[in-house]
Amino acid sequence: MVNGLLFVCHANLCRSPMAEYAARRLLAGQPVSVSSAGTDALEGGTMHPYAAEIAAETGEDPATFRTRRLAPEHLTSAALVLTATRRQRSICTALAPAALHHTFTLRQFGRLAAAVEPPTEALDDSLAAAVAAASLARGRLQPAPANDDDLRDPVGGTRADFRRCAEEIDRSLRPLATLIAAAG
């Protein structure tokens, strides 16, 4: 996946698909492919109905979405892996240690991307530039409280819980989109 952005959550039913669809909307026109997977996903399932409602707001049809189980090759072929929680980040790096330097929680990466200065000149690989900038910031910034890195799972909740989750995803993705646009 050249210039690939991979979102990972538990079952690939809610958080990672909502992030996938939001990222496609926010990164429209950028040379970035977007996908998602779940650490414990059952292959071929459909998106949670509340998540599908939110995904449909991007203008894409979520009816064709199918869950997929995370595999090592998904991690090693992605330029950036964004997970819903610290636990999933740990699973990803255990599954593919080579992915360590380009794997973050979504909220963590959003904070890091917001803290870096966008490049002043266009680069050939804007996603790689965003990852490199965030990686440098990762070593310079004070760590956030652990719970600030986890994106709460809305499964079992109300439509409003899914909406809050989607809004948090959007807030976390905006700095990435800004950084990629500036680098591109």
C-alpha atoms as a PDB file:
ATOM      1  CA  MET A   1       0.000   0.000   0.000  1.00  0.00           C
ATOM      2  CA  VAL A   2       2.051   2.961  -1.251  1.00  0.00           C
ATOM      3  CA  ASN A   3       1.230   5.998   0.874  1.00  0.00           C
ATOM      4  CA  GLY A   4      -1.169   3.797   2.816  1.00  0.00           C
ATOM      5  CA  LEU A   5      -2.926   4.818   5.987  1.00  0.00           C
ATOM      6  CA  LEU A   6      -4.294   1.919   8.041  1.00  0.00           C
ATOM      7  CA  PHE A   7      -6.752   2.286  10.928  1.00  0.00           C
ATOM      8  CA  VAL A   8      -6.969  -0.516  13.480  1.00  0.00           C
ATOM      9  CA  CYS A   9      -9.520  -1.205  16.207  1.00  0.00           C
ATOM     10  CA  HIS A  10     -10.833  -4.348  17.894  1.00  0.00           C
ATOM     11  CA  ALA A  11     -13.497  -5.745  15.561  1.00  0.00           C
ATOM     12  CA  ASN A  12     -13.340  -3.366  12.564  1.00  0.00           C
ATOM     13  CA  LEU A  13     -17.039  -2.603  13.099  1.00  0.00           C
ATOM     14  CA  CYS A  14     -17.095   0.965  14.453  1.00  0.00           C
ATOM     15  CA  ARG A  15     -14.028   3.046  15.211  1.00  0.00           C
ATOM     16  CA  SER A  16     -11.660   1.997  12.434  1.00  0.00           C
ATOM     17  CA  PRO A  17     -14.324   2.084   9.684  1.00  0.00           C
ATOM     18  CA  MET A  18     -15.570   5.501  10.850  1.00  0.00           C
ATOM     19  CA  ALA A  19     -11.945   6.703  10.816  1.00  0.00           C
ATOM     20  CA  GLU A  20     -11.386   5.182   7.371  1.00  0.00           C
ATOM     21  CA  TYR A  21     -14.373   7.012   5.895  1.00  0.00           C
ATOM     22  CA  ALA A  22     -13.552  10.280   7.685  1.00  0.00           C
ATOM     23  CA  ALA A  23      -9.945  10.126   6.475  1.00  0.00           C
ATOM     24  CA  ARG A  24     -11.036   9.560   2.889  1.00  0.00           C
ATOM     25  CA  ARG A  25     -13.179  12.693   3.143  1.00  0.00           C
ATOM     26  CA  LEU A  26     -10.473  14.788   4.835  1.00  0.00           C
ATOM     27  CA  LEU A  27      -7.688  13.567   2.539  1.00  0.00           C
ATOM     28  CA  ALA A  28      -9.639  13.772  -0.719  1.00  0.00           C
ATOM     29  CA  GLY A  29      -7.276  14.831  -3.458  1.00  0.00           C
ATOM     30  CA  GLN A  30      -4.181  13.680  -1.572  1.00  0.00           C
ATOM     31  CA  PRO A  31      -2.152  10.674  -2.798  1.00  0.00           C
ATOM     32  CA  VAL A  32      -3.046   8.585   0.258  1.00  0.00           C
ATOM     33  CA  SER A  33      -4.893   5.268   0.243  1.00  0.00           C
ATOM     34  CA  VAL A  34      -6.944   4.492   3.336  1.00  0.00           C
ATOM     35  CA  SER A  35      -8.064   1.161   4.813  1.00  0.00           C
ATOM     36  CA  SER A  36      -8.942  -0.446   8.129  1.00  0.00           C
ATOM     37  CA  ALA A  37      -8.755  -3.755   9.970  1.00  0.00           C
ATOM     38  CA  GLY A  38      -9.489  -5.230  13.380  1.00  0.00           C
ATOM     39  CA  THR A  39      -7.216  -7.132  15.734  1.00  0.00           C
ATOM     40  CA  ASP A  40     -10.080  -9.538  16.500  1.00  0.00           C
ATOM     41  CA  ALA A  41     -12.312  -8.966  13.486  1.00  0.00           C
ATOM     42  CA  LEU A  42     -14.363 -11.678  11.874  1.00  0.00           C
ATOM     43  CA  GLU A  43     -13.784 -11.545   8.117  1.00  0.00           C
ATOM     44  CA  GLY A  44     -16.598 -10.229   5.943  1.00  0.00           C
ATOM     45  CA  GLY A  45     -18.922  -8.650   8.505  1.00  0.00           C
ATOM     46  CA  THR A  46     -20.787  -5.412   7.975  1.00  0.00           C
ATOM     47  CA  MET A  47     -20.242  -2.139   9.745  1.00  0.00           C
ATOM     48  CA  HIS A  48     -22.254  -1.430  12.901  1.00  0.00           C
ATOM     49  CA  PRO A  49     -25.510   0.317  11.846  1.00  0.00           C
ATOM     50  CA  TYR A  50     -24.768   3.526  13.794  1.00  0.00           C
ATOM     51  CA  ALA A  51     -21.242   3.637  12.374  1.00  0.00           C
ATOM     52  CA  ALA A  52     -22.662   3.076   8.894  1.00  0.00           C
ATOM     53  CA  GLU A  53     -24.999   6.070   9.348  1.00  0.00           C
ATOM     54  CA  ILE A  54     -22.025   8.255  10.220  1.00  0.00           C
ATOM     55  CA  ALA A  55     -19.859   6.830   7.413  1.00  0.00           C
ATOM     56  CA  ALA A  56     -22.638   7.547   4.906  1.00  0.00           C
ATOM     57  CA  GLU A  57     -22.370  11.245   5.803  1.00  0.00           C
ATOM     58  CA  THR A  58     -19.000  11.280   4.003  1.00  0.00           C
ATOM     59  CA  GLY A  59     -20.805  10.710   0.709  1.00  0.00           C
ATOM     60  CA  GLU A  60     -19.588   7.132   0.316  1.00  0.00           C
ATOM     61  CA  ASP A  61     -21.839   4.093   0.559  1.00  0.00           C
ATOM     62  CA  PRO A  62     -20.870   1.945   3.574  1.00  0.00           C
ATOM     63  CA  ALA A  63     -23.040  -0.943   2.347  1.00  0.00           C
ATOM     64  CA  THR A  64     -20.042  -2.424   0.527  1.00  0.00           C
ATOM     65  CA  PHE A  65     -17.772  -2.261   3.580  1.00  0.00           C
ATOM     66  CA  ARG A  66     -16.616  -5.620   4.943  1.00  0.00           C
ATOM     67  CA  THR A  67     -14.637  -6.216   8.108  1.00  0.00           C
ATOM     68  CA  ARG A  68     -11.195  -7.739   7.867  1.00  0.00           C
ATOM     69  CA  ARG A  69      -8.859  -9.267  10.368  1.00  0.00           C
ATOM     70  CA  LEU A  70      -5.505  -7.584  10.854  1.00  0.00           C
ATOM     71  CA  ALA A  71      -2.532  -9.398   9.317  1.00  0.00           C
ATOM     72  CA  PRO A  72       1.199  -8.607   9.578  1.00  0.00           C
ATOM     73  CA  GLU A  73       1.380  -7.603   5.913  1.00  0.00           C
ATOM     74  CA  HIS A  74      -1.259  -4.897   6.483  1.00  0.00           C
ATOM     75  CA  LEU A  75       1.056  -3.338   9.058  1.00  0.00           C
ATOM     76  CA  THR A  76       4.313  -3.618   7.159  1.00  0.00           C
ATOM     77  CA  SER A  77       2.873  -2.302   3.906  1.00  0.00           C
ATOM     78  CA  ALA A  78       1.247   0.781   5.491  1.00  0.00           C
ATOM     79  CA  ALA A  79       3.144   4.051   5.756  1.00  0.00           C
ATOM     80  CA  LEU A  80       1.123   4.967   8.861  1.00  0.00           C
ATOM     81  CA  VAL A  81      -0.884   2.806  11.257  1.00  0.00           C
ATOM     82  CA  LEU A  82      -3.334   4.537  13.604  1.00  0.00           C
ATOM     83  CA  THR A  83      -4.972   2.448  16.309  1.00  0.00           C
ATOM     84  CA  ALA A  84      -7.995   3.126  18.492  1.00  0.00           C
ATOM     85  CA  THR A  85      -6.205   2.200  21.734  1.00  0.00           C
ATOM     86  CA  ARG A  86      -2.789   1.646  23.274  1.00  0.00           C
ATOM     87  CA  ARG A  87      -3.618  -2.052  23.575  1.00  0.00           C
ATOM     88  CA  GLN A  88      -4.212  -2.301  19.833  1.00  0.00           C
ATOM     89  CA  ARG A  89      -0.996  -0.362  19.178  1.00  0.00           C
ATOM     90  CA  SER A  90       0.838  -2.969  21.275  1.00  0.00           C
ATOM     91  CA  ILE A  91      -0.807  -5.814  19.370  1.00  0.00           C
ATOM     92  CA  CYS A  92       0.232  -4.226  16.067  1.00  0.00           C
ATOM     93  CA  THR A  93       3.852  -3.812  17.063  1.00  0.00           C
ATOM     94  CA  ALA A  94       3.983  -7.347  18.478  1.00  0.00           C
ATOM     95  CA  LEU A  95       2.480  -8.719  15.254  1.00  0.00           C
ATOM     96  CA  ALA A  96       4.887  -6.753  13.050  1.00  0.00           C
ATOM     97  CA  PRO A  97       7.818  -5.233  14.988  1.00  0.00           C
ATOM     98  CA  ALA A  98       8.939  -3.433  11.812  1.00  0.00           C
ATOM     99  CA  ALA A  99       5.801  -1.282  12.111  1.00  0.00           C
ATOM    100  CA  LEU A 100       6.876   0.209  15.456  1.00  0.00           C
ATOM    101  CA  HIS A 101       8.116   3.533  14.105  1.00  0.00           C
ATOM    102  CA  HIS A 102       4.995   4.234  12.055  1.00  0.00           C
ATOM    103  CA  THR A 103       2.351   3.015  14.516  1.00  0.00           C
ATOM    104  CA  PHE A 104       0.560   5.418  16.857  1.00  0.00           C
ATOM    105  CA  THR A 105      -2.812   5.680  18.500  1.00  0.00           C
ATOM    106  CA  LEU A 106      -5.088   7.980  16.523  1.00  0.00           C
ATOM    107  CA  ARG A 107      -5.384  10.492  19.353  1.00  0.00           C
ATOM    108  CA  GLN A 108      -1.639  10.416  20.009  1.00  0.00           C
ATOM    109  CA  PHE A 109      -0.838  11.093  16.370  1.00  0.00           C
ATOM    110  CA  GLY A 110      -3.375  13.924  16.265  1.00  0.00           C
ATOM    111  CA  ARG A 111      -1.633  15.629  19.201  1.00  0.00           C
ATOM    112  CA  LEU A 112       1.797  15.104  17.653  1.00  0.00           C
ATOM    113  CA  ALA A 113       0.727  16.351  14.220  1.00  0.00           C
ATOM    114  CA  ALA A 114      -0.809  19.453  15.812  1.00  0.00           C
ATOM    115  CA  ALA A 115       2.489  20.177  17.612  1.00  0.00           C
ATOM    116  CA  VAL A 116       4.809  20.133  14.593  1.00  0.00           C
ATOM    117  CA  GLU A 117       5.496  22.854  12.087  1.00  0.00           C
ATOM    118  CA  PRO A 118       4.258  21.963   8.611  1.00  0.00           C
ATOM    119  CA  PRO A 119       7.004  21.742   5.981  1.00  0.00           C
ATOM    120  CA  THR A 120       7.605  24.950   4.059  1.00  0.00           C
ATOM    121  CA  GLU A 121       8.233  23.187   0.750  1.00  0.00           C
ATOM    122  CA  ALA A 122       6.338  20.499  -1.135  1.00  0.00           C
ATOM    123  CA  LEU A 123       7.654  16.965  -0.679  1.00  0.00           C
ATOM    124  CA  ASP A 124       7.323  13.889  -2.895  1.00  0.00           C
ATOM    125  CA  ASP A 125       5.846  11.751  -0.116  1.00  0.00           C
ATOM    126  CA  SER A 126       3.601  13.882   2.079  1.00  0.00           C
ATOM    127  CA  LEU A 127       2.428  10.991   4.272  1.00  0.00           C
ATOM    128  CA  ALA A 128       5.992   9.860   4.982  1.00  0.00           C
ATOM    129  CA  ALA A 129       6.890  13.462   5.818  1.00  0.00           C
ATOM    130  CA  ALA A 130       3.961  13.659   8.252  1.00  0.00           C
ATOM    131  CA  VAL A 131       5.042  10.404   9.921  1.00  0.00           C
ATOM    132  CA  ALA A 132       8.649  11.590  10.198  1.00  0.00           C
ATOM    133  CA  ALA A 133       7.579  14.911  11.717  1.00  0.00           C
ATOM    134  CA  ALA A 134       5.284  13.212  14.239  1.00  0.00           C
ATOM    135  CA  SER A 135       7.999  10.696  15.123  1.00  0.00           C
ATOM    136  CA  LEU A 136      10.396  13.513  15.934  1.00  0.00           C
ATOM    137  CA  ALA A 137       7.732  15.235  18.033  1.00  0.00           C
ATOM    138  CA  ARG A 138       7.078  11.941  19.834  1.00  0.00           C
ATOM    139  CA  GLY A 139      10.551  12.164  21.353  1.00  0.00           C
ATOM    140  CA  ARG A 140      10.318  15.855  22.270  1.00  0.00           C
ATOM    141  CA  LEU A 141       6.854  16.208  23.799  1.00  0.00           C
ATOM    142  CA  GLN A 142       5.837  15.160  27.269  1.00  0.00           C
ATOM    143  CA  PRO A 143       3.704  12.027  27.171  1.00  0.00           C
ATOM    144  CA  ALA A 144      -0.003  12.561  27.702  1.00  0.00           C
ATOM    145  CA  PRO A 145      -1.907  10.687  30.399  1.00  0.00           C
ATOM    146  CA  ALA A 146      -2.490   7.124  29.192  1.00  0.00           C
ATOM    147  CA  ASN A 147      -6.255   7.496  28.887  1.00  0.00           C
ATOM    148  CA  ASP A 148      -5.773  10.466  26.550  1.00  0.00           C
ATOM    149  CA  ASP A 149      -4.472   8.058  23.922  1.00  0.00           C
ATOM    150  CA  ASP A 150      -7.457   5.685  23.882  1.00  0.00           C
ATOM    151  CA  LEU A 151     -10.544   6.215  21.746  1.00  0.00           C
ATOM    152  CA  ARG A 152     -13.539   4.934  23.670  1.00  0.00           C
ATOM    153  CA  ASP A 153     -15.415   2.057  22.026  1.00  0.00           C
ATOM    154  CA  PRO A 154     -19.040   3.063  21.347  1.00  0.00           C
ATOM    155  CA  VAL A 155     -20.279  -0.531  20.903  1.00  0.00           C
ATOM    156  CA  GLY A 156     -23.275  -1.094  23.132  1.00  0.00           C
ATOM    157  CA  GLY A 157     -23.907   2.642  23.295  1.00  0.00           C
ATOM    158  CA  THR A 158     -26.375   5.016  21.746  1.00  0.00           C
ATOM    159  CA  ARG A 159     -26.295   6.936  18.469  1.00  0.00           C
ATOM    160  CA  ALA A 160     -25.006   9.870  20.511  1.00  0.00           C
ATOM    161  CA  ASP A 161     -22.069   7.744  21.733  1.00  0.00           C
ATOM    162  CA  PHE A 162     -21.191   6.909  18.133  1.00  0.00           C
ATOM    163  CA  ARG A 163     -21.504  10.569  17.174  1.00  0.00           C
ATOM    164  CA  ARG A 164     -19.135  11.585  20.019  1.00  0.00           C
ATOM    165  CA  CYS A 165     -16.655   8.945  18.893  1.00  0.00           C
ATOM    166  CA  ALA A 166     -16.858  10.155  15.282  1.00  0.00           C
ATOM    167  CA  GLU A 167     -16.289  13.746  16.414  1.00  0.00           C
ATOM    168  CA  GLU A 168     -13.196  12.685  18.364  1.00  0.00           C
ATOM    169  CA  ILE A 169     -11.927  10.826  15.301  1.00  0.00           C
ATOM    170  CA  ASP A 170     -12.466  13.921  13.183  1.00  0.00           C
ATOM    171  CA  ARG A 171     -10.665  16.158  15.719  1.00  0.00           C
ATOM    172  CA  SER A 172      -7.727  13.753  15.774  1.00  0.00           C
ATOM    173  CA  LEU A 173      -7.526  13.490  11.971  1.00  0.00           C
ATOM    174  CA  ARG A 174      -7.662  17.216  11.164  1.00  0.00           C
ATOM    175  CA  PRO A 175      -4.019  17.918  12.192  1.00  0.00           C
ATOM    176  CA  LEU A 176      -2.879  14.976  10.026  1.00  0.00           C
ATOM    177  CA  ALA A 177      -4.844  16.289   7.052  1.00  0.00           C
ATOM    178  CA  THR A 178      -3.350  19.761   7.565  1.00  0.00           C
ATOM    179  CA  LEU A 179       0.170  18.357   7.799  1.00  0.00           C
ATOM    180  CA  ILE A 180      -0.243  16.207   4.676  1.00  0.00           C
ATOM    181  CA  ALA A 181      -1.749  19.100   2.694  1.00  0.00           C
ATOM    182  CA  ALA A 182       1.153  21.364   3.703  1.00  0.00           C
ATOM    183  CA  ALA A 183       3.729  18.725   2.717  1.00  0.00           C
ATOM    184  CA  GLY A 184       2.060  17.867  -0.594  1.00  0.00           C
END
